């Protein structure tokens, strides 16, 4: 089911690499794995290569990192 802020076909499918990402299926946005917010591709700066997840900002990326590492401790 599509959310109201997510027009059909606007979500891109992306492969995240170490210093860049590759668009596998066209779209204008990806979804933040932590907040669920839509991130315009031209504003995407934070992602996790191992998990293949995008993050809206450094705050979400840090929150995800902490959540992953607290479970291991």
PDB file of N, CA and C in Angstrom:
ATOM      1  N   UNK A   1       0.840  -1.179   0.000  1.00  0.00           N
ATOM      2  CA  UNK A   1       0.000   0.000   0.000  1.00  0.00           C
ATOM      3  C   UNK A   1       0.890   1.249   0.000  1.00  0.00           C
ATOM      4  N   UNK A   2       0.582   2.196  -0.826  1.00  0.00           N
ATOM      5  CA  UNK A   2       1.354   3.426  -0.909  1.00  0.00           C
ATOM      6  C   UNK A   2       0.915   4.407   0.159  1.00  0.00           C
ATOM      7  N   UNK A   3       1.884   5.108   0.692  1.00  0.00           N
ATOM      8  CA  UNK A   3       1.563   6.170   1.633  1.00  0.00           C
ATOM      9  C   UNK A   3       1.215   7.420   0.841  1.00  0.00           C
ATOM     10  N   UNK A   4       0.535   8.360   1.459  1.00  0.00           N
ATOM     11  CA  UNK A   4       0.090   9.569   0.754  1.00  0.00           C
ATOM     12  C   UNK A   4       1.249  10.404   0.214  1.00  0.00           C
ATOM     13  N   UNK A   5       2.404  10.386   0.898  1.00  0.00           N
ATOM     14  CA  UNK A   5       3.540  11.196   0.455  1.00  0.00           C
ATOM     15  C   UNK A   5       4.423  10.444  -0.545  1.00  0.00           C
ATOM     16  N   UNK A   6       3.955   9.300  -1.029  1.00  0.00           N
ATOM     17  CA  UNK A   6       4.765   8.458  -1.890  1.00  0.00           C
ATOM     18  C   UNK A   6       4.061   8.175  -3.214  1.00  0.00           C
ATOM     19  N   UNK A   7       4.189   9.081  -4.170  1.00  0.00           N
ATOM     20  CA  UNK A   7       3.564   8.845  -5.470  1.00  0.00           C
ATOM     21  C   UNK A   7       4.120   7.565  -6.106  1.00  0.00           C
ATOM     22  N   UNK A   8       3.284   6.817  -6.769  1.00  0.00           N
ATOM     23  CA  UNK A   8       3.704   5.564  -7.398  1.00  0.00           C
ATOM     24  C   UNK A   8       4.893   5.805  -8.313  1.00  0.00           C
ATOM     25  N   UNK A   9       5.889   4.967  -8.216  1.00  0.00           N
ATOM     26  CA  UNK A   9       7.045   5.056  -9.086  1.00  0.00           C
ATOM     27  C   UNK A   9       8.102   6.038  -8.654  1.00  0.00           C
ATOM     28  N   UNK A  10       7.902   6.740  -7.559  1.00  0.00           N
ATOM     29  CA  UNK A  10       8.887   7.725  -7.124  1.00  0.00           C
ATOM     30  C   UNK A  10       9.983   7.143  -6.228  1.00  0.00           C
ATOM     31  N   UNK A  11       9.795   5.932  -5.714  1.00  0.00           N
ATOM     32  CA  UNK A  11      10.832   5.315  -4.886  1.00  0.00           C
ATOM     33  C   UNK A  11      11.838   4.606  -5.780  1.00  0.00           C
ATOM     34  N   UNK A  12      13.100   4.971  -5.621  1.00  0.00           N
ATOM     35  CA  UNK A  12      14.174   4.346  -6.385  1.00  0.00           C
ATOM     36  C   UNK A  12      14.631   3.086  -5.657  1.00  0.00           C
ATOM     37  N   UNK A  13      15.187   2.172  -6.421  1.00  0.00           N
ATOM     38  CA  UNK A  13      15.863   1.017  -5.836  1.00  0.00           C
ATOM     39  C   UNK A  13      17.352   1.291  -6.018  1.00  0.00           C
ATOM     40  N   UNK A  14      18.106   1.221  -4.908  1.00  0.00           N
ATOM     41  CA  UNK A  14      19.491   1.684  -4.907  1.00  0.00           C
ATOM     42  C   UNK A  14      20.405   0.628  -4.294  1.00  0.00           C
ATOM     43  N   UNK A  15      21.614   0.491  -4.849  1.00  0.00           N
ATOM     44  CA  UNK A  15      22.672  -0.316  -4.228  1.00  0.00           C
ATOM     45  C   UNK A  15      23.687   0.662  -3.670  1.00  0.00           C
ATOM     46  N   UNK A  16      23.942   0.555  -2.362  1.00  0.00           N
ATOM     47  CA  UNK A  16      24.837   1.475  -1.672  1.00  0.00           C
ATOM     48  C   UNK A  16      26.249   0.922  -1.652  1.00  0.00           C
ATOM     49  N   UNK A  17      27.202   1.730  -2.107  1.00  0.00           N
ATOM     50  CA  UNK A  17      28.606   1.352  -2.104  1.00  0.00           C
ATOM     51  C   UNK A  17      29.373   2.165  -1.072  1.00  0.00           C
ATOM     52  N   UNK A  18      30.690   1.964  -1.026  1.00  0.00           N
ATOM     53  CA  UNK A  18      31.518   2.634  -0.020  1.00  0.00           C
ATOM     54  C   UNK A  18      31.512   4.153  -0.149  1.00  0.00           C
ATOM     55  N   UNK A  19      31.586   4.676  -1.352  1.00  0.00           N
ATOM     56  CA  UNK A  19      31.650   6.127  -1.504  1.00  0.00           C
ATOM     57  C   UNK A  19      30.596   6.668  -2.464  1.00  0.00           C
ATOM     58  N   UNK A  20      29.772   5.771  -2.994  1.00  0.00           N
ATOM     59  CA  UNK A  20      28.755   6.192  -3.951  1.00  0.00           C
ATOM     60  C   UNK A  20      27.624   5.187  -3.929  1.00  0.00           C
ATOM     61  N   UNK A  21      26.537   5.544  -4.573  1.00  0.00           N
ATOM     62  CA  UNK A  21      25.432   4.601  -4.713  1.00  0.00           C
ATOM     63  C   UNK A  21      25.061   4.498  -6.185  1.00  0.00           C
ATOM     64  N   UNK A  22      24.459   3.375  -6.532  1.00  0.00           N
ATOM     65  CA  UNK A  22      24.037   3.112  -7.898  1.00  0.00           C
ATOM     66  C   UNK A  22      22.525   2.944  -7.920  1.00  0.00           C
ATOM     67  N   UNK A  23      21.862   3.663  -8.793  1.00  0.00           N
ATOM     68  CA  UNK A  23      20.413   3.544  -8.926  1.00  0.00           C
ATOM     69  C   UNK A  23      20.116   2.338  -9.813  1.00  0.00           C
ATOM     70  N   UNK A  24      19.426   1.348  -9.240  1.00  0.00           N
ATOM     71  CA  UNK A  24      19.077   0.128  -9.957  1.00  0.00           C
ATOM     72  C   UNK A  24      17.721   0.242 -10.643  1.00  0.00           C
ATOM     73  N   UNK A  25      16.823   0.997 -10.020  1.00  0.00           N
ATOM     74  CA  UNK A  25      15.502   1.250 -10.603  1.00  0.00           C
ATOM     75  C   UNK A  25      15.197   2.723 -10.379  1.00  0.00           C
ATOM     76  N   UNK A  26      14.806   3.442 -11.421  1.00  0.00           N
ATOM     77  CA  UNK A  26      14.638   4.889 -11.306  1.00  0.00           C
ATOM     78  C   UNK A  26      13.567   5.309 -10.313  1.00  0.00           C
ATOM     79  N   UNK A  27      13.802   6.457  -9.737  1.00  0.00           N
ATOM     80  CA  UNK A  27      12.878   7.074  -8.805  1.00  0.00           C
ATOM     81  C   UNK A  27      13.511   8.350  -8.279  1.00  0.00           C
ATOM     82  N   UNK A  28      12.746   9.113  -7.546  1.00  0.00           N
ATOM     83  CA  UNK A  28      13.261  10.380  -7.019  1.00  0.00           C
ATOM     84  C   UNK A  28      13.670  10.287  -5.566  1.00  0.00           C
ATOM     85  N   UNK A  29      13.199   9.255  -4.861  1.00  0.00           N
ATOM     86  CA  UNK A  29      13.401   9.166  -3.413  1.00  0.00           C
ATOM     87  C   UNK A  29      13.841   7.765  -3.000  1.00  0.00           C
ATOM     88  N   UNK A  30      14.442   7.700  -1.800  1.00  0.00           N
ATOM     89  CA  UNK A  30      14.598   6.457  -1.052  1.00  0.00           C
ATOM     90  C   UNK A  30      14.006   6.726   0.323  1.00  0.00           C
ATOM     91  N   UNK A  31      13.733   5.680   1.065  1.00  0.00           N
ATOM     92  CA  UNK A  31      13.111   5.845   2.373  1.00  0.00           C
ATOM     93  C   UNK A  31      14.153   5.630   3.468  1.00  0.00           C
ATOM     94  N   UNK A  32      14.180   6.505   4.464  1.00  0.00           N
ATOM     95  CA  UNK A  32      15.072   6.394   5.609  1.00  0.00           C
ATOM     96  C   UNK A  32      14.702   5.139   6.400  1.00  0.00           C
ATOM     97  N   UNK A  33      15.693   4.307   6.692  1.00  0.00           N
ATOM     98  CA  UNK A  33      15.460   3.052   7.407  1.00  0.00           C
ATOM     99  C   UNK A  33      15.088   3.281   8.869  1.00  0.00           C
ATOM    100  N   UNK A  34      15.397   4.446   9.413  1.00  0.00           N
ATOM    101  CA  UNK A  34      15.106   4.727  10.823  1.00  0.00           C
ATOM    102  C   UNK A  34      13.797   5.496  10.980  1.00  0.00           C
ATOM    103  N   UNK A  35      13.656   6.596  10.270  1.00  0.00           N
ATOM    104  CA  UNK A  35      12.493   7.467  10.460  1.00  0.00           C
ATOM    105  C   UNK A  35      11.357   7.190   9.481  1.00  0.00           C
ATOM    106  N   UNK A  36      11.664   6.538   8.374  1.00  0.00           N
ATOM    107  CA  UNK A  36      10.658   6.310   7.348  1.00  0.00           C
ATOM    108  C   UNK A  36      10.445   7.500   6.425  1.00  0.00           C
ATOM    109  N   UNK A  37      11.180   8.580   6.653  1.00  0.00           N
ATOM    110  CA  UNK A  37      11.050   9.783   5.831  1.00  0.00           C
ATOM    111  C   UNK A  37      11.569   9.532   4.416  1.00  0.00           C
ATOM    112  N   UNK A  38      10.970  10.222   3.463  1.00  0.00           N
ATOM    113  CA  UNK A  38      11.457  10.158   2.094  1.00  0.00           C
ATOM    114  C   UNK A  38      12.678  11.056   1.950  1.00  0.00           C
ATOM    115  N   UNK A  39      13.709  10.550   1.283  1.00  0.00           N
ATOM    116  CA  UNK A  39      14.946  11.297   1.071  1.00  0.00           C
ATOM    117  C   UNK A  39      15.120  11.484  -0.434  1.00  0.00           C
ATOM    118  N   UNK A  40      15.122  12.725  -0.919  1.00  0.00           N
ATOM    119  CA  UNK A  40      15.399  12.936  -2.345  1.00  0.00           C
ATOM    120  C   UNK A  40      16.796  12.404  -2.675  1.00  0.00           C
ATOM    121  N   UNK A  41      16.938  11.731  -3.801  1.00  0.00           N
ATOM    122  CA  UNK A  41      18.240  11.155  -4.152  1.00  0.00           C
ATOM    123  C   UNK A  41      19.355  12.192  -4.179  1.00  0.00           C
ATOM    124  N   UNK A  42      19.032  13.413  -4.606  1.00  0.00           N
ATOM    125  CA  UNK A  42      20.078  14.437  -4.663  1.00  0.00           C
ATOM    126  C   UNK A  42      20.469  14.959  -3.279  1.00  0.00           C
ATOM    127  N   UNK A  43      19.757  14.550  -2.232  1.00  0.00           N
ATOM    128  CA  UNK A  43      20.101  14.937  -0.861  1.00  0.00           C
ATOM    129  C   UNK A  43      20.629  13.761  -0.045  1.00  0.00           C
ATOM    130  N   UNK A  44      20.730  12.584  -0.639  1.00  0.00           N
ATOM    131  CA  UNK A  44      21.170  11.388   0.074  1.00  0.00           C
ATOM    132  C   UNK A  44      22.662  11.467   0.378  1.00  0.00           C
ATOM    133  N   UNK A  45      23.001  11.449   1.656  1.00  0.00           N
ATOM    134  CA  UNK A  45      24.404  11.552   2.083  1.00  0.00           C
ATOM    135  C   UNK A  45      24.817  10.441   3.047  1.00  0.00           C
ATOM    136  N   UNK A  46      23.861   9.761   3.653  1.00  0.00           N
ATOM    137  CA  UNK A  46      24.163   8.787   4.701  1.00  0.00           C
ATOM    138  C   UNK A  46      23.525   7.444   4.376  1.00  0.00           C
ATOM    139  N   UNK A  47      24.345   6.371   4.428  1.00  0.00           N
ATOM    140  CA  UNK A  47      23.817   5.029   4.223  1.00  0.00           C
ATOM    141  C   UNK A  47      24.767   4.023   4.842  1.00  0.00           C
ATOM    142  N   UNK A  48      24.282   2.790   4.954  1.00  0.00           N
ATOM    143  CA  UNK A  48      25.077   1.695   5.496  1.00  0.00           C
ATOM    144  C   UNK A  48      25.243   0.668   4.382  1.00  0.00           C
ATOM    145  N   UNK A  49      26.483   0.417   3.989  1.00  0.00           N
ATOM    146  CA  UNK A  49      26.769  -0.490   2.888  1.00  0.00           C
ATOM    147  C   UNK A  49      26.399  -1.920   3.258  1.00  0.00           C
ATOM    148  N   UNK A  50      26.769  -2.360   4.462  1.00  0.00           N
ATOM    149  CA  UNK A  50      26.502  -3.736   4.883  1.00  0.00           C
ATOM    150  C   UNK A  50      25.012  -4.027   4.967  1.00  0.00           C
ATOM    151  N   UNK A  51      24.247  -3.094   5.507  1.00  0.00           N
ATOM    152  CA  UNK A  51      22.816  -3.293   5.677  1.00  0.00           C
ATOM    153  C   UNK A  51      22.005  -2.847   4.463  1.00  0.00           C
ATOM    154  N   UNK A  52      22.658  -2.099   3.545  1.00  0.00           N
ATOM    155  CA  UNK A  52      21.979  -1.541   2.369  1.00  0.00           C
ATOM    156  C   UNK A  52      20.774  -0.706   2.799  1.00  0.00           C
ATOM    157  N   UNK A  53      21.024   0.213   3.745  1.00  0.00           N
ATOM    158  CA  UNK A  53      19.995   1.112   4.274  1.00  0.00           C
ATOM    159  C   UNK A  53      20.402   2.559   4.070  1.00  0.00           C
ATOM    160  N   UNK A  54      19.416   3.400   3.835  1.00  0.00           N
ATOM    161  CA  UNK A  54      19.631   4.843   3.710  1.00  0.00           C
ATOM    162  C   UNK A  54      19.166   5.531   4.985  1.00  0.00           C
ATOM    163  N   UNK A  55      19.777   6.685   5.295  1.00  0.00           N
ATOM    164  CA  UNK A  55      19.407   7.473   6.465  1.00  0.00           C
ATOM    165  C   UNK A  55      19.247   8.932   6.069  1.00  0.00           C
ATOM    166  N   UNK A  56      18.255   9.586   6.631  1.00  0.00           N
ATOM    167  CA  UNK A  56      17.952  10.974   6.291  1.00  0.00           C
ATOM    168  C   UNK A  56      19.060  11.930   6.723  1.00  0.00           C
ATOM    169  N   UNK A  57      19.670  11.675   7.880  1.00  0.00           N
ATOM    170  CA  UNK A  57      20.708  12.582   8.381  1.00  0.00           C
ATOM    171  C   UNK A  57      21.693  11.809   9.245  1.00  0.00           C
ATOM    172  N   UNK A  58      22.710  12.521   9.706  1.00  0.00           N
ATOM    173  CA  UNK A  58      23.697  11.913  10.597  1.00  0.00           C
ATOM    174  C   UNK A  58      23.043  11.424  11.884  1.00  0.00           C
ATOM    175  N   UNK A  59      22.008  12.099  12.336  1.00  0.00           N
ATOM    176  CA  UNK A  59      21.327  11.694  13.579  1.00  0.00           C
ATOM    177  C   UNK A  59      20.716  10.299  13.425  1.00  0.00           C
ATOM    178  N   UNK A  60      20.040  10.030  12.315  1.00  0.00           N
ATOM    179  CA  UNK A  60      19.452   8.712  12.083  1.00  0.00           C
ATOM    180  C   UNK A  60      20.541   7.651  11.892  1.00  0.00           C
ATOM    181  N   UNK A  61      21.598   7.987  11.169  1.00  0.00           N
ATOM    182  CA  UNK A  61      22.694   7.044  10.964  1.00  0.00           C
ATOM    183  C   UNK A  61      23.338   6.682  12.296  1.00  0.00           C
ATOM    184  N   UNK A  62      23.539   7.662  13.149  1.00  0.00           N
ATOM    185  CA  UNK A  62      24.126   7.421  14.465  1.00  0.00           C
ATOM    186  C   UNK A  62      23.196   6.594  15.344  1.00  0.00           C
ATOM    187  N   UNK A  63      21.912   6.892  15.305  1.00  0.00           N
ATOM    188  CA  UNK A  63      20.940   6.119  16.090  1.00  0.00           C
ATOM    189  C   UNK A  63      20.961   4.656  15.674  1.00  0.00           C
ATOM    190  N   UNK A  64      21.015   4.406  14.375  1.00  0.00           N
ATOM    191  CA  UNK A  64      21.051   3.026  13.882  1.00  0.00           C
ATOM    192  C   UNK A  64      22.333   2.344  14.312  1.00  0.00           C
ATOM    193  N   UNK A  65      23.464   3.036  14.207  1.00  0.00           N
ATOM    194  CA  UNK A  65      24.750   2.475  14.616  1.00  0.00           C
ATOM    195  C   UNK A  65      24.717   2.105  16.093  1.00  0.00           C
ATOM    196  N   UNK A  66      24.201   3.010  16.923  1.00  0.00           N
ATOM    197  CA  UNK A  66      24.118   2.733  18.362  1.00  0.00           C
ATOM    198  C   UNK A  66      23.222   1.529  18.643  1.00  0.00           C
ATOM    199  N   UNK A  67      22.082   1.469  17.980  1.00  0.00           N
ATOM    200  CA  UNK A  67      21.163   0.348  18.190  1.00  0.00           C
ATOM    201  C   UNK A  67      21.820  -0.977  17.817  1.00  0.00           C
ATOM    202  N   UNK A  68      22.569  -1.005  16.752  1.00  0.00           N
ATOM    203  CA  UNK A  68      23.260  -2.229  16.328  1.00  0.00           C
ATOM    204  C   UNK A  68      24.348  -2.624  17.304  1.00  0.00           C
ATOM    205  N   UNK A  69      25.097  -1.653  17.809  1.00  0.00           N
ATOM    206  CA  UNK A  69      26.229  -1.963  18.676  1.00  0.00           C
ATOM    207  C   UNK A  69      25.819  -2.203  20.126  1.00  0.00           C
ATOM    208  N   UNK A  70      24.715  -1.660  20.567  1.00  0.00           N
ATOM    209  CA  UNK A  70      24.247  -1.931  21.924  1.00  0.00           C
ATOM    210  C   UNK A  70      23.791  -3.365  22.058  1.00  0.00           C
ATOM    211  N   UNK A  71      23.242  -3.944  20.979  1.00  0.00           N
ATOM    212  CA  UNK A  71      22.783  -5.334  21.014  1.00  0.00           C
ATOM    213  C   UNK A  71      23.954  -6.294  21.172  1.00  0.00           C
ATOM    214  N   UNK A  72      25.115  -5.925  20.636  1.00  0.00           N
ATOM    215  CA  UNK A  72      26.295  -6.796  20.689  1.00  0.00           C
ATOM    216  C   UNK A  72      27.005  -6.729  22.031  1.00  0.00           C
ATOM    217  N   UNK A  73      26.770  -5.655  22.774  1.00  0.00           N
ATOM    218  CA  UNK A  73      27.498  -5.466  24.039  1.00  0.00           C
ATOM    219  C   UNK A  73      26.942  -6.325  25.145  1.00  0.00           C
TER     220      UNK A  73
END
